[in-house]
Amino acid sequence: MCDKTPTDDLSQILRLRREKLEKLAALGVNTYPYRFEKDTRIPDLLADFDSKLENEEHAGPEFSIAGRIQTVRVMGKAAFCHVRDEFGQMQVYVQRDRVGDESYALFKLLDIGDIIGVSGTAFRTKTGEATLRARQFALLAKSLHPLPVVKEREGQVFDAFTDKEARYRQRYLDLAVNPEVRDVFRVRARVISAMREFLDGRGYLEVETPALQPLYGGALARPFTTYYNTLDRNFFLRIADELYLKRLIVGGFEKVYEISKDFRNEGMDKFHNPEFTMLEFYEAYSDYRDLMNLAEELFRHVARTALGKTEVTYQGVTVDFGQPFRRARFFDLLKEATGHDLLGMEVRELGEIAKSHCVEVTKEMGEGKLLDEMMKTLVRPKLIEPTFVYDYPLSLSPLAKKHREDARLVERFQPFALGFELGNAFSELNDPLDQRARFEAQKRLKEAGDEETQPLDEDFLNALEIGMPPTAGMGIGVDRLVMLMTDQASIREVILFPQLRS
């Protein structure tokens, strides 16, 4: 005789569930009804539970809950089950004498994973567990496929659908059996709400700009390309909102922001996903130092609103966003890491220093890429406390305004914490002649083989020629900030439906 396989067991379970569905239908049960009138969430019912208890005659205030069955235990004329809604779980007691023979027979056809609604009174079992004594119940959706097995030891879940690949591919199952995953996305929602609240409260206007663009720009990245049939030409999924938001500043809006999906056709790792969420905001008549102060307030507000505190713990390390942020110059940090003053150094010598510190170097790298790789490898992992790194090299920042004191630099800063790069900010370049020269320099880099360059955008240059006031702008990576706020080691843990290789 051949041994049974897990596939055989699953097929048997699926067959039995289908048979139960057919039995329920034959008994006249609507297995997928239209609605159920629930009047409380489970945590609200459990709160101050003893004030809601039934009396000795099983009479008292009645409550209605709904959720997914997590456990079932049938004992002759009575049964227990646990029901979980979005916010919590509680025990339900079903007695044949109370719900009736017909309803009790129906209850015995239910399975773990079925969604039910229950109305009844509150009591405590002999062991003291808060329980709802069912007066009536309704099947709201029959589950034809079993949930992943959830194992518990002493009340603690230790194995609930832990295969990461499967969790990402079937996020609905992940959310159904791992309540803590739902908590991650509640924090994500609070982070985004807090950003809106902060900027709205300071007079910013939320806007929407095109996701499909005739020319990509605003960052150094490869785009996704698509074909626009009606217009008979290639379009690009945006890699940033920047150039459109600056057009709005030219048009007369003084404070604008957008929270949007951006797309960059690049690799995936624990910090990068080709589709990601970005906050970008721009303020006329301000510079990068103004935005440093504003950003510090913004991060503090987001932490306090999303977490209820300013301390953030990531992978066992705690930092406090309530403390003043450290501020350090780009080249000062590189000098600490390499022992060399790299400002103004020739490309060949930069490459040699990079190699001597085990930084990967390719022949296509210019000054900007070499400096950026050294920063990523030698400096960024050590930036644990919230830090603003500022005054970047001109070669690395084609859209930033030249530094008012040193034309080799630009007025740019980036916030870091716990090794994370959290954003990017500039005193924005508003000189159209300078901008054109930098676009042309980017074009030459592309011709030399660099695929991550900023294309020359004539319409944007035309906008600058009309006149853009002094402006400061910033982008913040929402996904990475949520990773930090929820202590998640991979960006896929904070994206509901990440794309995966087939």
Protein backbone atom coordinates (compact mmCIF):
# COMPACT_ATOMS: atom_id res chain seq x y z
CA MET A 1 0.00 0.00 0.00
CA CYS A 2 1.29 3.46 -0.90
CA ASP A 3 1.75 6.00 1.87
CA LYS A 4 -0.60 8.98 1.86
CA THR A 5 0.80 12.36 0.90
CA PRO A 6 -0.14 15.82 2.25
CA THR A 7 -1.87 16.40 -1.09
CA ASP A 8 -4.09 13.37 -0.44
CA ASP A 9 -5.02 14.74 2.99
CA LEU A 10 -5.84 18.14 1.53
CA SER A 11 -8.01 16.60 -1.18
CA GLN A 12 -9.92 14.68 1.49
CA ILE A 13 -10.48 17.83 3.54
CA LEU A 14 -11.66 19.78 0.50
CA ARG A 15 -14.07 16.98 -0.40
CA LEU A 16 -15.52 16.83 3.12
CA ARG A 17 -16.03 20.58 3.23
CA ARG A 18 -17.85 20.51 -0.10
CA GLU A 19 -20.06 17.75 1.25
CA LYS A 20 -20.90 19.85 4.32
CA LEU A 21 -21.73 22.77 2.05
CA GLU A 22 -24.13 20.55 0.12
CA LYS A 23 -25.74 19.30 3.35
CA LEU A 24 -26.26 22.86 4.57
CA ALA A 25 -27.80 23.85 1.24
CA ALA A 26 -30.11 20.80 1.37
CA LEU A 27 -31.28 21.93 4.81
CA GLY A 28 -32.23 25.30 3.34
CA VAL A 29 -29.32 27.23 4.87
CA ASN A 30 -28.11 30.28 2.95
CA THR A 31 -24.38 29.62 3.21
CA TYR A 32 -23.43 33.06 1.86
CA PRO A 33 -26.03 35.55 3.18
CA TYR A 34 -26.02 39.29 2.44
CA ARG A 35 -25.42 40.86 5.86
CA PHE A 36 -25.31 40.44 9.62
CA GLU A 37 -26.11 43.05 12.24
CA LYS A 38 -23.13 43.04 14.62
CA ASP A 39 -23.26 45.61 17.39
CA THR A 40 -19.83 45.35 19.01
CA ARG A 41 -16.20 44.54 18.39
CA ILE A 42 -14.75 41.73 20.48
CA PRO A 43 -12.22 43.89 22.41
CA ASP A 44 -15.03 46.33 23.26
CA LEU A 45 -17.14 43.46 24.59
CA LEU A 46 -14.23 42.09 26.62
CA ALA A 47 -13.49 45.52 28.12
CA ASP A 48 -15.07 45.84 31.60
CA PHE A 49 -16.54 42.41 30.94
CA ASP A 50 -17.85 41.70 34.45
CA SER A 51 -20.23 44.65 34.26
CA LYS A 52 -21.98 42.94 31.32
CA LEU A 53 -22.58 39.45 32.77
CA GLU A 54 -25.89 37.61 32.56
CA ASN A 55 -27.81 36.67 35.72
CA GLU A 56 -28.56 33.20 37.07
CA GLU A 57 -31.42 32.76 34.56
CA HIS A 58 -29.01 33.41 31.67
CA ALA A 59 -30.72 36.74 31.07
CA GLY A 60 -28.89 39.99 30.60
CA PRO A 61 -27.79 42.47 27.93
CA GLU A 62 -27.37 40.81 24.56
CA PHE A 63 -24.41 41.33 22.26
CA SER A 64 -23.78 40.41 18.64
CA ILE A 65 -20.30 39.61 17.31
CA ALA A 66 -19.07 38.25 13.99
CA GLY A 67 -15.80 36.72 12.85
CA ARG A 68 -13.91 33.64 11.76
CA ILE A 69 -13.98 30.39 13.75
CA GLN A 70 -10.51 29.62 15.13
CA THR A 71 -11.25 26.48 17.18
CA VAL A 72 -14.20 24.11 17.60
CA ARG A 73 -14.83 21.63 20.42
CA VAL A 74 -18.08 19.65 20.39
CA MET A 75 -19.12 17.77 23.57
CA GLY A 76 -22.44 16.03 23.05
CA LYS A 77 -25.19 18.56 23.80
CA ALA A 78 -22.88 21.58 23.93
CA ALA A 79 -19.90 22.99 22.09
CA PHE A 80 -17.26 25.66 22.45
CA CYS A 81 -15.59 27.64 19.70
CA HIS A 82 -13.35 30.69 19.50
CA VAL A 83 -14.32 33.48 17.14
CA ARG A 84 -11.88 36.16 15.95
CA ASP A 85 -12.91 39.45 14.41
CA GLU A 86 -10.52 42.08 13.06
CA PHE A 87 -9.51 43.27 16.51
CA GLY A 88 -9.65 40.32 18.91
CA GLN A 89 -10.80 36.84 19.85
CA MET A 90 -13.23 35.37 22.39
CA GLN A 91 -14.89 32.12 23.30
CA VAL A 92 -18.47 31.25 22.32
CA TYR A 93 -20.60 28.62 24.09
CA VAL A 94 -23.31 26.87 22.06
CA GLN A 95 -25.90 24.74 23.94
CA ARG A 96 -28.40 22.57 22.09
CA ASP A 97 -31.14 23.38 24.66
CA ARG A 98 -30.65 27.11 24.13
CA VAL A 99 -30.25 27.38 20.33
CA GLY A 100 -32.55 24.47 19.49
CA ASP A 101 -32.00 21.04 17.95
CA GLU A 102 -32.04 22.26 14.36
CA SER A 103 -29.55 25.06 14.89
CA TYR A 104 -27.29 22.84 16.97
CA ALA A 105 -27.22 20.25 14.18
CA LEU A 106 -26.21 23.02 11.79
CA PHE A 107 -23.45 24.15 14.15
CA LYS A 108 -21.91 20.68 14.03
CA LEU A 109 -21.50 21.12 10.25
CA LEU A 110 -19.26 24.14 10.73
CA ASP A 111 -15.47 24.10 10.36
CA ILE A 112 -12.49 26.11 11.49
CA GLY A 113 -12.26 29.05 9.09
CA ASP A 114 -16.01 29.50 8.63
CA ILE A 115 -17.29 33.00 9.30
CA ILE A 116 -20.24 33.23 11.69
CA GLY A 117 -22.33 35.80 13.50
CA VAL A 118 -23.40 35.13 17.10
CA SER A 119 -25.87 36.85 19.40
CA GLY A 120 -26.02 36.06 23.10
CA THR A 121 -25.23 36.99 26.68
CA ALA A 122 -21.94 37.32 28.53
CA PHE A 123 -20.74 34.93 31.23
CA ARG A 124 -17.59 33.40 32.62
CA THR A 125 -16.87 29.66 32.54
CA LYS A 126 -15.79 27.74 35.63
CA THR A 127 -12.19 28.43 34.61
CA GLY A 128 -12.95 32.16 34.43
CA GLU A 129 -12.76 32.59 30.65
CA ALA A 130 -14.88 35.42 29.24
CA THR A 131 -17.47 33.76 27.00
CA LEU A 132 -20.53 34.62 24.94
CA ARG A 133 -23.46 32.23 25.50
CA ALA A 134 -25.10 31.91 22.09
CA ARG A 135 -28.82 32.49 21.80
CA GLN A 136 -28.63 32.29 18.06
CA PHE A 137 -25.96 32.15 15.38
CA ALA A 138 -25.75 32.43 11.60
CA LEU A 139 -23.31 31.06 9.06
CA LEU A 140 -22.03 34.05 7.07
CA ALA A 141 -19.50 32.35 4.77
CA LYS A 142 -18.53 28.70 4.46
CA SER A 143 -14.77 28.17 4.16
CA LEU A 144 -14.09 25.54 1.53
CA HIS A 145 -10.33 25.59 1.96
CA PRO A 146 -8.70 24.98 5.36
CA LEU A 147 -6.64 27.67 7.03
CA PRO A 148 -2.94 26.93 7.68
CA VAL A 149 -2.53 25.04 10.94
CA VAL A 150 -2.08 27.39 13.90
CA LYS A 151 -0.17 25.78 16.76
CA GLU A 152 -0.28 27.13 20.29
CA ARG A 153 1.66 26.35 23.44
CA GLU A 154 0.46 27.75 26.76
CA GLY A 155 -1.72 30.20 24.91
CA GLN A 156 1.11 31.52 22.70
CA VAL A 157 1.05 31.05 18.93
CA PHE A 158 4.41 29.70 17.74
CA ASP A 159 3.66 28.42 14.25
CA ALA A 160 1.05 30.28 12.23
CA PHE A 161 1.78 30.23 8.52
CA THR A 162 5.44 31.17 8.89
CA ASP A 163 6.68 30.45 5.36
CA LYS A 164 7.56 33.94 4.10
CA GLU A 165 7.18 33.22 0.41
CA ALA A 166 3.73 31.73 0.95
CA ARG A 167 2.74 34.57 3.27
CA TYR A 168 3.57 37.21 0.66
CA ARG A 169 1.86 35.30 -2.16
CA GLN A 170 -1.28 34.66 -0.12
CA ARG A 171 -1.42 37.73 2.08
CA TYR A 172 -5.13 37.10 2.76
CA LEU A 173 -4.17 33.89 4.60
CA ASP A 174 -1.30 35.65 6.36
CA LEU A 175 -3.68 38.29 7.66
CA ALA A 176 -6.30 35.70 8.61
CA VAL A 177 -4.02 33.60 10.82
CA ASN A 178 -1.42 36.15 11.98
CA PRO A 179 -3.22 39.03 13.75
CA GLU A 180 0.09 40.78 14.44
CA VAL A 181 0.51 41.27 10.68
CA ARG A 182 -2.71 43.27 10.64
CA ASP A 183 -1.20 45.43 13.39
CA VAL A 184 1.73 46.31 11.08
CA PHE A 185 -0.65 47.70 8.48
CA ARG A 186 -2.65 49.59 11.09
CA VAL A 187 0.59 51.36 12.05
CA ARG A 188 1.25 52.01 8.35
CA ALA A 189 -2.15 53.67 8.01
CA ARG A 190 -1.47 55.82 11.09
CA VAL A 191 1.95 56.85 9.69
CA ILE A 192 0.36 58.09 6.46
CA SER A 193 -2.49 59.81 8.32
CA ALA A 194 0.03 61.52 10.60
CA MET A 195 1.97 62.83 7.58
CA ARG A 196 -1.20 64.31 6.12
CA GLU A 197 -2.25 65.77 9.46
CA PHE A 198 1.16 67.40 9.94
CA LEU A 199 1.37 68.97 6.47
CA ASP A 200 -2.31 69.97 6.29
CA GLY A 201 -1.87 71.71 9.63
CA ARG A 202 0.96 73.79 8.17
CA GLY A 203 -0.94 75.01 5.15
CA TYR A 204 0.22 72.48 2.56
CA LEU A 205 -2.14 71.47 -0.26
CA GLU A 206 -2.40 67.79 -1.18
CA VAL A 207 -2.33 67.30 -4.96
CA GLU A 208 -2.24 64.49 -7.52
CA THR A 209 0.18 64.37 -10.43
CA PRO A 210 0.44 61.87 -13.33
CA ALA A 211 1.59 58.32 -12.70
CA LEU A 212 2.00 57.83 -16.47
CA GLN A 213 4.43 60.39 -17.82
CA PRO A 214 5.75 61.17 -21.32
CA LEU A 215 9.20 61.70 -19.78
CA TYR A 216 10.36 60.37 -16.43
CA GLY A 217 12.44 62.46 -14.05
CA GLY A 218 13.09 63.65 -10.53
CA ALA A 219 15.54 60.89 -9.57
CA LEU A 220 18.41 58.79 -10.90
CA ALA A 221 16.71 55.49 -11.75
CA ARG A 222 15.63 53.25 -14.63
CA PRO A 223 11.92 53.58 -15.44
CA PHE A 224 9.23 51.08 -16.35
CA THR A 225 8.13 51.68 -19.95
CA THR A 226 4.67 51.14 -21.40
CA TYR A 227 2.90 51.95 -24.64
CA TYR A 228 0.06 54.47 -24.76
CA ASN A 229 -2.12 53.23 -27.63
CA THR A 230 -4.30 56.33 -28.03
CA LEU A 231 -1.31 58.67 -28.13
CA ASP A 232 0.79 56.21 -30.16
CA ARG A 233 3.94 56.64 -28.11
CA ASN A 234 5.91 55.24 -25.20
CA PHE A 235 5.13 56.48 -21.70
CA PHE A 236 6.86 55.85 -18.39
CA LEU A 237 5.65 55.02 -14.90
CA ARG A 238 6.86 57.85 -12.73
CA ILE A 239 10.05 57.41 -10.76
CA ALA A 240 9.31 60.53 -8.69
CA ASP A 241 6.76 63.34 -8.38
CA GLU A 242 9.34 66.09 -8.20
CA LEU A 243 9.21 67.78 -11.59
CA TYR A 244 5.42 68.00 -11.64
CA LEU A 245 5.24 69.35 -8.09
CA LYS A 246 7.80 72.02 -9.01
CA ARG A 247 5.62 72.98 -11.99
CA LEU A 248 2.88 73.69 -9.44
CA ILE A 249 5.24 75.97 -7.52
CA VAL A 250 5.90 77.81 -10.80
CA GLY A 251 2.12 78.05 -11.24
CA GLY A 252 1.65 79.87 -7.95
CA PHE A 253 1.00 77.24 -5.29
CA GLU A 254 3.39 77.87 -2.42
CA LYS A 255 3.09 74.63 -0.38
CA VAL A 256 2.19 71.32 -2.04
CA TYR A 257 2.58 67.64 -1.24
CA GLU A 258 1.69 64.24 -2.67
CA ILE A 259 1.69 60.72 -1.21
CA SER A 260 1.91 58.40 -4.17
CA LYS A 261 3.18 55.20 -5.69
CA ASP A 262 6.47 55.52 -7.56
CA PHE A 263 8.10 52.87 -9.76
CA ARG A 264 11.77 52.18 -10.40
CA ASN A 265 12.87 49.31 -12.61
CA GLU A 266 15.64 48.08 -10.39
CA GLY A 267 16.57 45.23 -8.08
CA MET A 268 14.70 43.98 -5.02
CA ASP A 269 16.20 43.49 -1.59
CA LYS A 270 15.11 43.98 1.99
CA PHE A 271 15.20 47.79 1.61
CA HIS A 272 14.10 48.17 -2.03
CA ASN A 273 10.93 47.33 -3.92
CA PRO A 274 10.38 48.51 -7.52
CA GLU A 275 6.90 49.76 -6.55
CA PHE A 276 7.01 51.91 -3.44
CA THR A 277 5.23 54.75 -1.66
CA MET A 278 6.74 58.21 -1.39
CA LEU A 279 5.78 61.44 0.32
CA GLU A 280 7.09 64.52 -1.52
CA PHE A 281 6.48 68.09 -0.37
CA TYR A 282 7.69 71.48 -1.63
CA GLU A 283 7.62 74.92 -0.02
CA ALA A 284 8.28 78.20 -1.81
CA TYR A 285 10.51 80.88 -0.25
CA SER A 286 12.33 78.29 1.90
CA ASP A 287 15.70 76.51 1.80
CA TYR A 288 17.07 73.16 2.92
CA ARG A 289 17.81 74.39 6.44
CA ASP A 290 14.16 75.35 6.88
CA LEU A 291 13.17 71.85 5.80
CA MET A 292 15.65 70.24 8.19
CA ASN A 293 13.79 71.85 11.06
CA LEU A 294 10.41 70.95 9.55
CA ALA A 295 11.46 67.34 8.87
CA GLU A 296 12.62 66.87 12.45
CA GLU A 297 9.19 67.98 13.65
CA LEU A 298 7.50 65.74 11.07
CA PHE A 299 9.36 62.56 12.09
CA ARG A 300 8.68 63.32 15.76
CA HIS A 301 4.97 63.87 15.06
CA VAL A 302 4.67 60.66 13.03
CA ALA A 303 6.32 58.55 15.75
CA ARG A 304 4.21 60.05 18.50
CA THR A 305 0.98 59.68 16.50
CA ALA A 306 1.60 56.21 15.06
CA LEU A 307 3.25 54.63 18.12
CA GLY A 308 2.14 56.82 21.01
CA LYS A 309 5.78 57.62 21.85
CA THR A 310 8.91 59.04 20.24
CA GLU A 311 11.14 56.02 21.02
CA VAL A 312 11.51 53.59 18.12
CA THR A 313 13.00 50.11 18.53
CA TYR A 314 14.37 48.29 15.50
CA GLN A 315 16.02 44.86 15.72
CA GLY A 316 16.74 45.36 19.41
CA VAL A 317 18.15 48.89 19.13
CA THR A 318 16.15 51.87 20.44
CA VAL A 319 16.51 55.48 19.33
CA ASP A 320 14.52 58.54 20.33
CA PHE A 321 13.03 60.75 17.63
CA GLY A 322 12.15 63.18 20.42
CA GLN A 323 15.81 64.16 20.83
CA PRO A 324 17.48 66.77 18.60
CA PHE A 325 18.78 65.15 15.40
CA ARG A 326 22.52 64.99 14.83
CA ARG A 327 23.66 67.09 11.83
CA ALA A 328 26.83 66.12 9.92
CA ARG A 329 28.37 67.15 6.57
CA PHE A 330 28.70 64.53 3.83
CA PHE A 331 32.44 64.94 3.29
CA ASP A 332 33.19 65.15 7.01
CA LEU A 333 31.64 61.71 7.49
CA LEU A 334 33.59 60.27 4.55
CA LYS A 335 36.82 61.73 5.93
CA GLU A 336 36.13 60.00 9.26
CA ALA A 337 35.56 56.71 7.41
CA THR A 338 38.49 56.83 4.95
CA GLY A 339 41.03 59.17 6.51
CA HIS A 340 41.00 61.28 3.33
CA ASP A 341 39.45 64.60 2.37
CA LEU A 342 37.63 63.50 -0.81
CA LEU A 343 36.18 66.87 -1.84
CA GLY A 344 37.56 67.81 -5.25
CA MET A 345 39.57 64.60 -5.66
CA GLU A 346 40.06 63.11 -9.14
CA VAL A 347 37.93 60.13 -10.18
CA ARG A 348 40.93 57.79 -10.51
CA GLU A 349 42.11 58.52 -6.98
CA LEU A 350 38.56 58.21 -5.60
CA GLY A 351 38.33 54.76 -7.17
CA GLU A 352 41.60 53.66 -5.61
CA ILE A 353 40.51 54.81 -2.14
CA ALA A 354 37.15 53.11 -2.57
CA LYS A 355 38.81 49.82 -3.56
CA SER A 356 41.18 50.05 -0.62
CA HIS A 357 38.11 50.10 1.66
CA CYS A 358 36.49 47.11 -0.08
CA VAL A 359 33.92 49.22 -1.93
CA GLU A 360 32.89 47.66 -5.24
CA VAL A 361 34.00 49.83 -8.18
CA THR A 362 33.17 49.58 -11.89
CA LYS A 363 34.73 51.45 -14.80
CA GLU A 364 31.44 53.24 -15.56
CA MET A 365 31.40 55.00 -12.19
CA GLY A 366 31.92 58.73 -12.18
CA GLU A 367 32.65 60.93 -9.19
CA GLY A 368 29.07 60.95 -7.92
CA LYS A 369 28.59 57.17 -8.03
CA LEU A 370 31.94 56.52 -6.33
CA LEU A 371 31.17 58.90 -3.49
CA ASP A 372 27.66 57.49 -3.16
CA GLU A 373 28.93 53.91 -2.92
CA MET A 374 31.48 54.87 -0.28
CA MET A 375 28.74 56.60 1.71
CA LYS A 376 26.44 53.56 1.44
CA THR A 377 29.16 51.08 2.41
CA LEU A 378 31.32 52.91 4.92
CA VAL A 379 29.09 55.48 6.59
CA ARG A 380 25.39 54.68 6.39
CA PRO A 381 25.42 51.48 8.52
CA LYS A 382 26.91 53.50 11.39
CA LEU A 383 24.22 56.19 11.35
CA ILE A 384 22.13 54.81 14.22
CA GLU A 385 20.81 57.89 16.03
CA PRO A 386 18.51 60.12 13.92
CA THR A 387 20.93 62.12 11.75
CA PHE A 388 20.78 64.67 8.95
CA VAL A 389 23.66 64.29 6.49
CA TYR A 390 24.01 67.51 4.47
CA ASP A 391 26.03 69.39 1.83
CA TYR A 392 26.36 66.72 -0.85
CA PRO A 393 28.62 66.79 -3.95
CA LEU A 394 27.22 68.54 -7.02
CA SER A 395 27.90 65.47 -9.20
CA LEU A 396 25.44 63.42 -7.15
CA SER A 397 22.55 65.89 -7.17
CA PRO A 398 21.48 67.18 -10.61
CA LEU A 399 18.30 68.87 -9.31
CA ALA A 400 19.68 70.62 -6.22
CA LYS A 401 20.80 74.24 -5.91
CA LYS A 402 24.54 74.90 -5.71
CA HIS A 403 25.81 75.60 -2.24
CA ARG A 404 25.90 79.31 -1.51
CA GLU A 405 29.45 79.00 -0.11
CA ASP A 406 31.06 76.25 -2.25
CA ALA A 407 30.02 75.64 -5.88
CA ARG A 408 31.36 72.05 -5.74
CA LEU A 409 28.55 71.21 -3.32
CA VAL A 410 24.76 71.42 -3.33
CA GLU A 411 22.33 72.34 -0.58
CA ARG A 412 20.98 68.88 0.08
CA PHE A 413 20.36 66.73 3.14
CA GLN A 414 19.19 63.21 3.88
CA PRO A 415 17.72 61.86 7.13
CA PHE A 416 19.07 58.57 8.49
CA ALA A 417 18.23 56.45 11.53
CA LEU A 418 19.26 52.94 12.54
CA GLY A 419 21.16 52.66 9.27
CA PHE A 420 18.09 53.53 7.20
CA GLU A 421 18.05 56.23 4.53
CA LEU A 422 14.63 57.79 5.10
CA GLY A 423 14.47 60.59 2.56
CA ASN A 424 16.09 63.27 0.47
CA ALA A 425 15.78 67.07 0.50
CA PHE A 426 17.17 70.06 -1.42
CA SER A 427 17.25 73.75 -1.77
CA GLU A 428 15.73 73.31 -5.22
CA LEU A 429 17.53 74.45 -8.33
CA ASN A 430 15.54 77.27 -9.94
CA ASP A 431 18.14 78.67 -12.36
CA PRO A 432 17.03 77.37 -15.80
CA LEU A 433 20.49 77.84 -17.37
CA ASP A 434 22.22 75.91 -14.60
CA GLN A 435 19.51 73.23 -14.80
CA ARG A 436 20.00 72.83 -18.55
CA ALA A 437 23.74 72.43 -18.13
CA ARG A 438 23.21 69.70 -15.54
CA PHE A 439 20.66 67.90 -17.71
CA GLU A 440 23.19 67.92 -20.53
CA ALA A 441 25.85 66.50 -18.21
CA GLN A 442 23.42 63.71 -17.31
CA LYS A 443 22.82 63.08 -21.01
CA ARG A 444 26.55 62.57 -21.55
CA LEU A 445 26.65 60.06 -18.68
CA LYS A 446 23.81 58.13 -20.29
CA GLU A 447 25.67 58.07 -23.61
CA ALA A 448 28.66 56.68 -21.70
CA GLY A 449 26.57 53.74 -20.46
CA ASP A 450 24.99 54.95 -17.19
CA GLU A 451 21.35 53.80 -17.27
CA GLU A 452 20.35 55.66 -14.10
CA THR A 453 20.41 59.25 -15.30
CA GLN A 454 18.03 62.21 -15.47
CA PRO A 455 16.83 62.83 -19.06
CA LEU A 456 16.69 66.35 -20.47
CA ASP A 457 13.15 67.67 -19.96
CA GLU A 458 12.45 70.69 -22.19
CA ASP A 459 8.99 71.34 -20.75
CA PHE A 460 10.38 71.48 -17.23
CA LEU A 461 13.13 73.84 -18.38
CA ASN A 462 10.45 76.02 -19.96
CA ALA A 463 8.65 76.11 -16.62
CA LEU A 464 11.84 77.23 -14.86
CA GLU A 465 12.33 79.95 -17.50
CA ILE A 466 8.91 81.32 -16.57
CA GLY A 467 10.28 81.60 -13.05
CA MET A 468 10.21 79.45 -9.91
CA PRO A 469 10.67 81.19 -6.55
CA PRO A 470 13.29 79.98 -4.07
CA THR A 471 11.96 76.58 -3.00
CA ALA A 472 12.86 73.70 -0.71
CA GLY A 473 11.59 70.17 -1.35
CA MET A 474 11.78 66.80 0.32
CA GLY A 475 10.88 63.17 -0.37
CA ILE A 476 10.37 60.57 2.38
CA GLY A 477 10.20 56.82 1.74
CA VAL A 478 6.99 55.74 3.45
CA ASP A 479 7.74 52.00 3.29
CA ARG A 480 11.13 52.32 4.97
CA LEU A 481 9.74 54.58 7.67
CA VAL A 482 7.02 52.01 8.37
CA MET A 483 9.69 49.26 8.52
CA LEU A 484 11.41 51.28 11.20
CA MET A 485 8.21 52.04 13.13
CA THR A 486 7.06 48.39 13.11
CA ASP A 487 10.44 46.66 13.56
CA GLN A 488 10.24 44.77 10.27
CA ALA A 489 13.47 43.54 8.68
CA SER A 490 12.13 43.41 5.11
CA ILE A 491 10.24 45.97 3.04
CA ARG A 492 7.94 43.15 1.89
CA GLU A 493 6.57 42.90 5.42
CA VAL A 494 5.08 46.40 5.14
CA ILE A 495 3.69 46.10 1.59
CA LEU A 496 0.38 44.27 1.49
CA PHE A 497 0.88 42.58 -1.88
CA PRO A 498 4.57 42.65 -2.91
CA GLN A 499 5.48 41.35 -6.36
CA LEU A 500 7.47 38.10 -6.34
CA ARG A 501 9.37 36.09 -8.88
CA SER A 502 7.26 33.35 -10.43
